[in-house]
Amino acid sequence: MSIDSRLAPLLTRKSVPSRLLAPPAPTEEELHALVEAAARVPDHGRLNPWRIVAIHGEARAALGEALLALRRDRGETLDEADIEKELGRFT
């Protein structure tokens, strides 16, 4: 395997902002494979994830509402754009 073929996935990777993500999402089987691979990534701090949480369905909107409430409880001043961003962050 040449170095070019090993680097190709990294060099052609494109990040998509979360607000632009849409179905179809990975299946449960694909998610398990992705998490297993991610847990194997070299970590020079020797930190290992001890818990991974998957949030599905209506729980995504509830998480946005909870984080918005937390920001308000902290006394943050939020404009309408901040509020909409927080409410839609996980949906």
C-alpha atoms as a PDB file:
ATOM      1  CA  MET A   1       0.000   0.000   0.000  1.00  0.00           C
ATOM      2  CA  SER A   2       1.503   3.321  -1.016  1.00  0.00           C
ATOM      3  CA  ILE A   3       1.557   6.323   1.282  1.00  0.00           C
ATOM      4  CA  ASP A   4      -0.710   8.138  -1.201  1.00  0.00           C
ATOM      5  CA  SER A   5      -3.428   5.496  -0.888  1.00  0.00           C
ATOM      6  CA  ARG A   6      -3.235   5.630   2.907  1.00  0.00           C
ATOM      7  CA  LEU A   7      -3.537   9.418   2.962  1.00  0.00           C
ATOM      8  CA  ALA A   8      -6.263   9.635   0.313  1.00  0.00           C
ATOM      9  CA  PRO A   9      -9.180   9.382   2.792  1.00  0.00           C
ATOM     10  CA  LEU A  10      -7.710  12.199   4.876  1.00  0.00           C
ATOM     11  CA  LEU A  11      -6.836  14.384   1.917  1.00  0.00           C
ATOM     12  CA  THR A  12     -10.275  14.040   0.335  1.00  0.00           C
ATOM     13  CA  ARG A  13     -12.283  14.393   3.545  1.00  0.00           C
ATOM     14  CA  LYS A  14     -14.874  17.153   3.615  1.00  0.00           C
ATOM     15  CA  SER A  15     -16.434  18.481   6.782  1.00  0.00           C
ATOM     16  CA  VAL A  16     -20.119  19.308   6.689  1.00  0.00           C
ATOM     17  CA  PRO A  17     -21.616  21.707   9.240  1.00  0.00           C
ATOM     18  CA  SER A  18     -24.053  19.881  11.495  1.00  0.00           C
ATOM     19  CA  ARG A  19     -26.915  22.135  10.373  1.00  0.00           C
ATOM     20  CA  LEU A  20     -26.539  20.750   6.839  1.00  0.00           C
ATOM     21  CA  LEU A  21     -26.662  17.083   7.821  1.00  0.00           C
ATOM     22  CA  ALA A  22     -29.785  15.251   6.717  1.00  0.00           C
ATOM     23  CA  PRO A  23     -31.051  11.690   6.360  1.00  0.00           C
ATOM     24  CA  PRO A  24     -30.077   9.036   5.732  1.00  0.00           C
ATOM     25  CA  ALA A  25     -28.116   8.677   8.948  1.00  0.00           C
ATOM     26  CA  PRO A  26     -25.802   5.763   9.663  1.00  0.00           C
ATOM     27  CA  THR A  27     -27.541   2.592  10.778  1.00  0.00           C
ATOM     28  CA  GLU A  28     -27.047   1.249  14.302  1.00  0.00           C
ATOM     29  CA  GLU A  29     -24.613  -1.322  12.889  1.00  0.00           C
ATOM     30  CA  GLU A  30     -22.626   1.400  11.101  1.00  0.00           C
ATOM     31  CA  LEU A  31     -22.595   3.559  14.241  1.00  0.00           C
ATOM     32  CA  HIS A  32     -21.204   0.678  16.295  1.00  0.00           C
ATOM     33  CA  ALA A  33     -18.449   0.131  13.723  1.00  0.00           C
ATOM     34  CA  LEU A  34     -17.600   3.856  13.662  1.00  0.00           C
ATOM     35  CA  VAL A  35     -17.457   4.062  17.454  1.00  0.00           C
ATOM     36  CA  GLU A  36     -15.284   0.970  17.663  1.00  0.00           C
ATOM     37  CA  ALA A  37     -12.871   2.427  15.106  1.00  0.00           C
ATOM     38  CA  ALA A  38     -12.821   5.819  16.857  1.00  0.00           C
ATOM     39  CA  ALA A  39     -12.026   4.180  20.179  1.00  0.00           C
ATOM     40  CA  ARG A  40      -8.930   2.620  18.586  1.00  0.00           C
ATOM     41  CA  VAL A  41      -7.459   5.890  17.319  1.00  0.00           C
ATOM     42  CA  PRO A  42      -4.032   6.527  18.844  1.00  0.00           C
ATOM     43  CA  ASP A  43      -4.309   8.708  21.904  1.00  0.00           C
ATOM     44  CA  HIS A  44      -1.056  10.010  23.262  1.00  0.00           C
ATOM     45  CA  GLY A  45      -2.747  11.169  26.465  1.00  0.00           C
ATOM     46  CA  ARG A  46      -3.851   7.578  27.080  1.00  0.00           C
ATOM     47  CA  LEU A  47      -7.409   8.736  27.511  1.00  0.00           C
ATOM     48  CA  ASN A  48     -10.139   6.274  26.661  1.00  0.00           C
ATOM     49  CA  PRO A  49     -13.820   7.016  26.288  1.00  0.00           C
ATOM     50  CA  TRP A  50     -15.666   5.473  29.189  1.00  0.00           C
ATOM     51  CA  ARG A  51     -19.100   6.249  27.856  1.00  0.00           C
ATOM     52  CA  ILE A  52     -20.565   7.112  24.493  1.00  0.00           C
ATOM     53  CA  VAL A  53     -24.115   8.411  24.294  1.00  0.00           C
ATOM     54  CA  ALA A  54     -26.246   8.278  21.146  1.00  0.00           C
ATOM     55  CA  ILE A  55     -29.154  10.692  21.046  1.00  0.00           C
ATOM     56  CA  HIS A  56     -32.053   9.870  18.734  1.00  0.00           C
ATOM     57  CA  GLY A  57     -35.442  11.250  17.769  1.00  0.00           C
ATOM     58  CA  GLU A  58     -37.194  13.738  20.007  1.00  0.00           C
ATOM     59  CA  ALA A  59     -34.364  13.564  22.541  1.00  0.00           C
ATOM     60  CA  ARG A  60     -32.283  15.690  20.162  1.00  0.00           C
ATOM     61  CA  ALA A  61     -34.691  18.640  20.443  1.00  0.00           C
ATOM     62  CA  ALA A  62     -34.933  18.139  24.212  1.00  0.00           C
ATOM     63  CA  LEU A  63     -31.140  18.343  24.486  1.00  0.00           C
ATOM     64  CA  GLY A  64     -31.138  21.651  22.600  1.00  0.00           C
ATOM     65  CA  GLU A  65     -33.800  23.013  24.955  1.00  0.00           C
ATOM     66  CA  ALA A  66     -31.855  21.840  28.005  1.00  0.00           C
ATOM     67  CA  LEU A  67     -28.638  23.474  26.804  1.00  0.00           C
ATOM     68  CA  LEU A  68     -30.505  26.694  26.040  1.00  0.00           C
ATOM     69  CA  ALA A  69     -31.923  26.653  29.587  1.00  0.00           C
ATOM     70  CA  LEU A  70     -28.415  26.093  30.969  1.00  0.00           C
ATOM     71  CA  ARG A  71     -27.079  29.110  29.076  1.00  0.00           C
ATOM     72  CA  ARG A  72     -29.955  31.228  30.362  1.00  0.00           C
ATOM     73  CA  ASP A  73     -29.386  29.976  33.922  1.00  0.00           C
ATOM     74  CA  ARG A  74     -25.767  31.089  33.612  1.00  0.00           C
ATOM     75  CA  GLY A  75     -27.003  34.587  32.861  1.00  0.00           C
ATOM     76  CA  GLU A  76     -25.929  34.662  29.235  1.00  0.00           C
ATOM     77  CA  THR A  77     -27.609  37.267  27.079  1.00  0.00           C
ATOM     78  CA  LEU A  78     -28.896  35.523  23.980  1.00  0.00           C
ATOM     79  CA  ASP A  79     -30.294  37.119  20.865  1.00  0.00           C
ATOM     80  CA  GLU A  80     -32.845  35.418  18.639  1.00  0.00           C
ATOM     81  CA  ALA A  81     -30.121  33.920  16.409  1.00  0.00           C
ATOM     82  CA  ASP A  82     -28.405  32.353  19.454  1.00  0.00           C
ATOM     83  CA  ILE A  83     -31.687  30.881  20.637  1.00  0.00           C
ATOM     84  CA  GLU A  84     -32.555  29.410  17.238  1.00  0.00           C
ATOM     85  CA  LYS A  85     -29.047  28.007  16.855  1.00  0.00           C
ATOM     86  CA  GLU A  86     -29.186  26.323  20.258  1.00  0.00           C
ATOM     87  CA  LEU A  87     -32.675  24.902  19.682  1.00  0.00           C
ATOM     88  CA  GLY A  88     -31.702  23.482  16.299  1.00  0.00           C
ATOM     89  CA  ARG A  89     -28.190  22.366  17.161  1.00  0.00           C
ATOM     90  CA  PHE A  90     -29.008  18.646  17.429  1.00  0.00           C
ATOM     91  CA  THR A  91     -32.001  18.419  15.123  1.00  0.00           C
END
